[in-house]
Amino acid sequence: MRRLGLVMVVVLSLLAPGTSRAADDSKVKAATNQVESGAKKIPDGKIVEGVTETAKGIGNTVSEGAKFTGEKLKEAGKAAEPPAKTAWGNARDGAAAFGYSVKRFFANLFSD
């Protein structure tokens, strides 16, 4: 029973309020509620049913939490990507660099 309580405390502390929630976390919340529901059945004398539901809830919480974390990491990766240039932006930058090179060439040619 102590181990089960310790596991529940760890899982619930990982899902404490204050974590970022840009991605859909409704499945994580539902799994957390399953853990709480199962834990509430244990003191009422429904030990087998409560432990079973709590164990399933812990598994679901870990699974959904991992999916949620993966979504958050994917969002963070996309946010960190540099913005893509358009074909016109690349052509403009290339033309500007070419123009600068030509200007520098003639400036060096006639400077001495």
C-alpha atoms as a PDB file:
ATOM      1  CA  MET A   1       0.000   0.000   0.000  1.00  0.00           C
ATOM      2  CA  ARG A   2       2.865   2.398   0.777  1.00  0.00           C
ATOM      3  CA  ARG A   3       4.415   1.848  -2.626  1.00  0.00           C
ATOM      4  CA  LEU A   4       1.103   2.472  -4.342  1.00  0.00           C
ATOM      5  CA  GLY A   5       0.647   5.681  -2.386  1.00  0.00           C
ATOM      6  CA  LEU A   6       4.191   6.778  -3.199  1.00  0.00           C
ATOM      7  CA  VAL A   7       3.658   6.096  -6.906  1.00  0.00           C
ATOM      8  CA  MET A   8       0.413   8.070  -6.839  1.00  0.00           C
ATOM      9  CA  VAL A   9       2.110  11.021  -5.141  1.00  0.00           C
ATOM     10  CA  VAL A  10       4.937  11.018  -7.710  1.00  0.00           C
ATOM     11  CA  VAL A  11       2.560  10.804 -10.671  1.00  0.00           C
ATOM     12  CA  LEU A  12       0.285  13.519  -9.332  1.00  0.00           C
ATOM     13  CA  SER A  13       3.209  15.789  -8.493  1.00  0.00           C
ATOM     14  CA  LEU A  14       4.425  15.510 -12.088  1.00  0.00           C
ATOM     15  CA  LEU A  15       1.055  16.716 -13.267  1.00  0.00           C
ATOM     16  CA  ALA A  16       0.805  19.545 -10.765  1.00  0.00           C
ATOM     17  CA  PRO A  17      -0.776  22.819 -11.811  1.00  0.00           C
ATOM     18  CA  GLY A  18       1.638  25.306 -13.257  1.00  0.00           C
ATOM     19  CA  THR A  19       3.012  23.131 -16.015  1.00  0.00           C
ATOM     20  CA  SER A  20       2.665  24.484 -19.523  1.00  0.00           C
ATOM     21  CA  ARG A  21      -0.478  23.406 -21.336  1.00  0.00           C
ATOM     22  CA  ALA A  22      -0.386  24.609 -24.928  1.00  0.00           C
ATOM     23  CA  ALA A  23      -0.989  21.104 -26.293  1.00  0.00           C
ATOM     24  CA  ASP A  24      -4.194  19.203 -25.543  1.00  0.00           C
ATOM     25  CA  ASP A  25      -3.821  17.782 -22.053  1.00  0.00           C
ATOM     26  CA  SER A  26      -7.388  16.529 -21.603  1.00  0.00           C
ATOM     27  CA  LYS A  27      -6.323  12.878 -21.888  1.00  0.00           C
ATOM     28  CA  VAL A  28      -3.676  13.385 -19.216  1.00  0.00           C
ATOM     29  CA  LYS A  29      -6.276  14.969 -16.938  1.00  0.00           C
ATOM     30  CA  ALA A  30      -8.686  12.092 -17.558  1.00  0.00           C
ATOM     31  CA  ALA A  31      -6.000   9.543 -16.679  1.00  0.00           C
ATOM     32  CA  THR A  32      -5.138  11.502 -13.531  1.00  0.00           C
ATOM     33  CA  ASN A  33      -8.813  11.517 -12.553  1.00  0.00           C
ATOM     34  CA  GLN A  34      -8.849   7.728 -13.037  1.00  0.00           C
ATOM     35  CA  VAL A  35      -5.998   7.436 -10.516  1.00  0.00           C
ATOM     36  CA  GLU A  36      -7.848   9.626  -8.027  1.00  0.00           C
ATOM     37  CA  SER A  37     -11.095   7.729  -8.512  1.00  0.00           C
ATOM     38  CA  GLY A  38      -9.401   4.391  -7.927  1.00  0.00           C
ATOM     39  CA  ALA A  39      -7.585   5.687  -4.866  1.00  0.00           C
ATOM     40  CA  LYS A  40     -10.861   6.887  -3.350  1.00  0.00           C
ATOM     41  CA  LYS A  41     -12.373   3.399  -3.667  1.00  0.00           C
ATOM     42  CA  ILE A  42      -9.657   1.758  -1.555  1.00  0.00           C
ATOM     43  CA  PRO A  43     -10.700   3.234   1.832  1.00  0.00           C
ATOM     44  CA  ASP A  44     -14.344   2.418   1.034  1.00  0.00           C
ATOM     45  CA  GLY A  45     -13.569  -1.300   1.134  1.00  0.00           C
ATOM     46  CA  LYS A  46     -13.378  -1.834  -2.616  1.00  0.00           C
ATOM     47  CA  ILE A  47      -9.694  -2.678  -2.407  1.00  0.00           C
ATOM     48  CA  VAL A  48      -9.334  -4.930  -5.466  1.00  0.00           C
ATOM     49  CA  GLU A  49     -11.411  -2.646  -7.678  1.00  0.00           C
ATOM     50  CA  GLY A  50      -9.661   0.461  -6.352  1.00  0.00           C
ATOM     51  CA  VAL A  51      -6.147  -0.917  -6.766  1.00  0.00           C
ATOM     52  CA  THR A  52      -6.956  -2.173 -10.278  1.00  0.00           C
ATOM     53  CA  GLU A  53      -8.399   1.166 -11.363  1.00  0.00           C
ATOM     54  CA  THR A  54      -5.535   3.066  -9.752  1.00  0.00           C
ATOM     55  CA  ALA A  55      -2.925   0.889 -11.482  1.00  0.00           C
ATOM     56  CA  LYS A  56      -4.657   1.350 -14.841  1.00  0.00           C
ATOM     57  CA  GLY A  57      -4.866   5.071 -14.193  1.00  0.00           C
ATOM     58  CA  ILE A  58      -1.153   5.258 -13.401  1.00  0.00           C
ATOM     59  CA  GLY A  59      -0.347   3.417 -16.628  1.00  0.00           C
ATOM     60  CA  ASN A  60      -2.652   5.679 -18.614  1.00  0.00           C
ATOM     61  CA  THR A  61      -1.195   8.759 -16.942  1.00  0.00           C
ATOM     62  CA  VAL A  62       2.347   7.738 -17.826  1.00  0.00           C
ATOM     63  CA  SER A  63       1.351   6.869 -21.395  1.00  0.00           C
ATOM     64  CA  GLU A  64      -0.668  10.022 -22.023  1.00  0.00           C
ATOM     65  CA  GLY A  65       1.924  12.132 -20.229  1.00  0.00           C
ATOM     66  CA  ALA A  66       4.621  10.808 -22.564  1.00  0.00           C
ATOM     67  CA  LYS A  67       2.462  11.590 -25.611  1.00  0.00           C
ATOM     68  CA  PHE A  68       1.749  15.072 -24.261  1.00  0.00           C
ATOM     69  CA  THR A  69       5.451  15.673 -23.618  1.00  0.00           C
ATOM     70  CA  GLY A  70       6.262  14.520 -27.156  1.00  0.00           C
ATOM     71  CA  GLU A  71       3.751  17.013 -28.562  1.00  0.00           C
ATOM     72  CA  LYS A  72       5.260  19.794 -26.465  1.00  0.00           C
ATOM     73  CA  LEU A  73       8.785  18.931 -27.648  1.00  0.00           C
ATOM     74  CA  LYS A  74       7.599  18.888 -31.251  1.00  0.00           C
ATOM     75  CA  GLU A  75       6.001  22.326 -30.792  1.00  0.00           C
ATOM     76  CA  ALA A  76       9.190  23.654 -29.197  1.00  0.00           C
ATOM     77  CA  GLY A  77      11.275  22.312 -32.080  1.00  0.00           C
ATOM     78  CA  LYS A  78       9.048  23.992 -34.641  1.00  0.00           C
ATOM     79  CA  ALA A  79       9.167  27.259 -32.733  1.00  0.00           C
ATOM     80  CA  ALA A  80      12.976  27.149 -32.722  1.00  0.00           C
ATOM     81  CA  GLU A  81      13.279  26.660 -36.492  1.00  0.00           C
ATOM     82  CA  PRO A  82      14.373  29.697 -38.471  1.00  0.00           C
ATOM     83  CA  PRO A  83      11.691  31.057 -40.769  1.00  0.00           C
ATOM     84  CA  ALA A  84      11.906  29.663 -44.295  1.00  0.00           C
ATOM     85  CA  LYS A  85      12.858  32.092 -47.009  1.00  0.00           C
ATOM     86  CA  THR A  86      10.773  32.375 -50.129  1.00  0.00           C
ATOM     87  CA  ALA A  87      12.292  31.851 -53.562  1.00  0.00           C
ATOM     88  CA  TRP A  88      12.148  35.614 -54.073  1.00  0.00           C
ATOM     89  CA  GLY A  89      13.991  36.215 -50.791  1.00  0.00           C
ATOM     90  CA  ASN A  90      16.777  33.834 -51.805  1.00  0.00           C
ATOM     91  CA  ALA A  91      17.030  35.378 -55.300  1.00  0.00           C
ATOM     92  CA  ARG A  92      17.083  38.911 -53.866  1.00  0.00           C
ATOM     93  CA  ASP A  93      19.833  38.032 -51.378  1.00  0.00           C
ATOM     94  CA  GLY A  94      21.862  36.345 -54.122  1.00  0.00           C
ATOM     95  CA  ALA A  95      21.498  39.332 -56.450  1.00  0.00           C
ATOM     96  CA  ALA A  96      22.504  41.735 -53.693  1.00  0.00           C
ATOM     97  CA  ALA A  97      25.602  39.660 -52.869  1.00  0.00           C
ATOM     98  CA  PHE A  98      26.512  39.491 -56.564  1.00  0.00           C
ATOM     99  CA  GLY A  99      26.089  43.249 -56.930  1.00  0.00           C
ATOM    100  CA  TYR A 100      28.292  43.892 -53.920  1.00  0.00           C
ATOM    101  CA  SER A 101      30.978  41.574 -55.355  1.00  0.00           C
ATOM    102  CA  VAL A 102      30.936  43.396 -58.712  1.00  0.00           C
ATOM    103  CA  LYS A 103      31.143  46.781 -56.978  1.00  0.00           C
ATOM    104  CA  ARG A 104      34.062  45.621 -54.818  1.00  0.00           C
ATOM    105  CA  PHE A 105      35.855  44.164 -57.880  1.00  0.00           C
ATOM    106  CA  PHE A 106      35.714  47.448 -59.806  1.00  0.00           C
ATOM    107  CA  ALA A 107      36.564  49.495 -56.722  1.00  0.00           C
ATOM    108  CA  ASN A 108      39.691  47.385 -56.178  1.00  0.00           C
ATOM    109  CA  LEU A 109      40.562  47.524 -59.902  1.00  0.00           C
ATOM    110  CA  PHE A 110      40.531  51.324 -60.131  1.00  0.00           C
ATOM    111  CA  SER A 111      41.684  52.212 -56.609  1.00  0.00           C
ATOM    112  CA  ASP A 112      45.457  52.106 -57.263  1.00  0.00           C
END
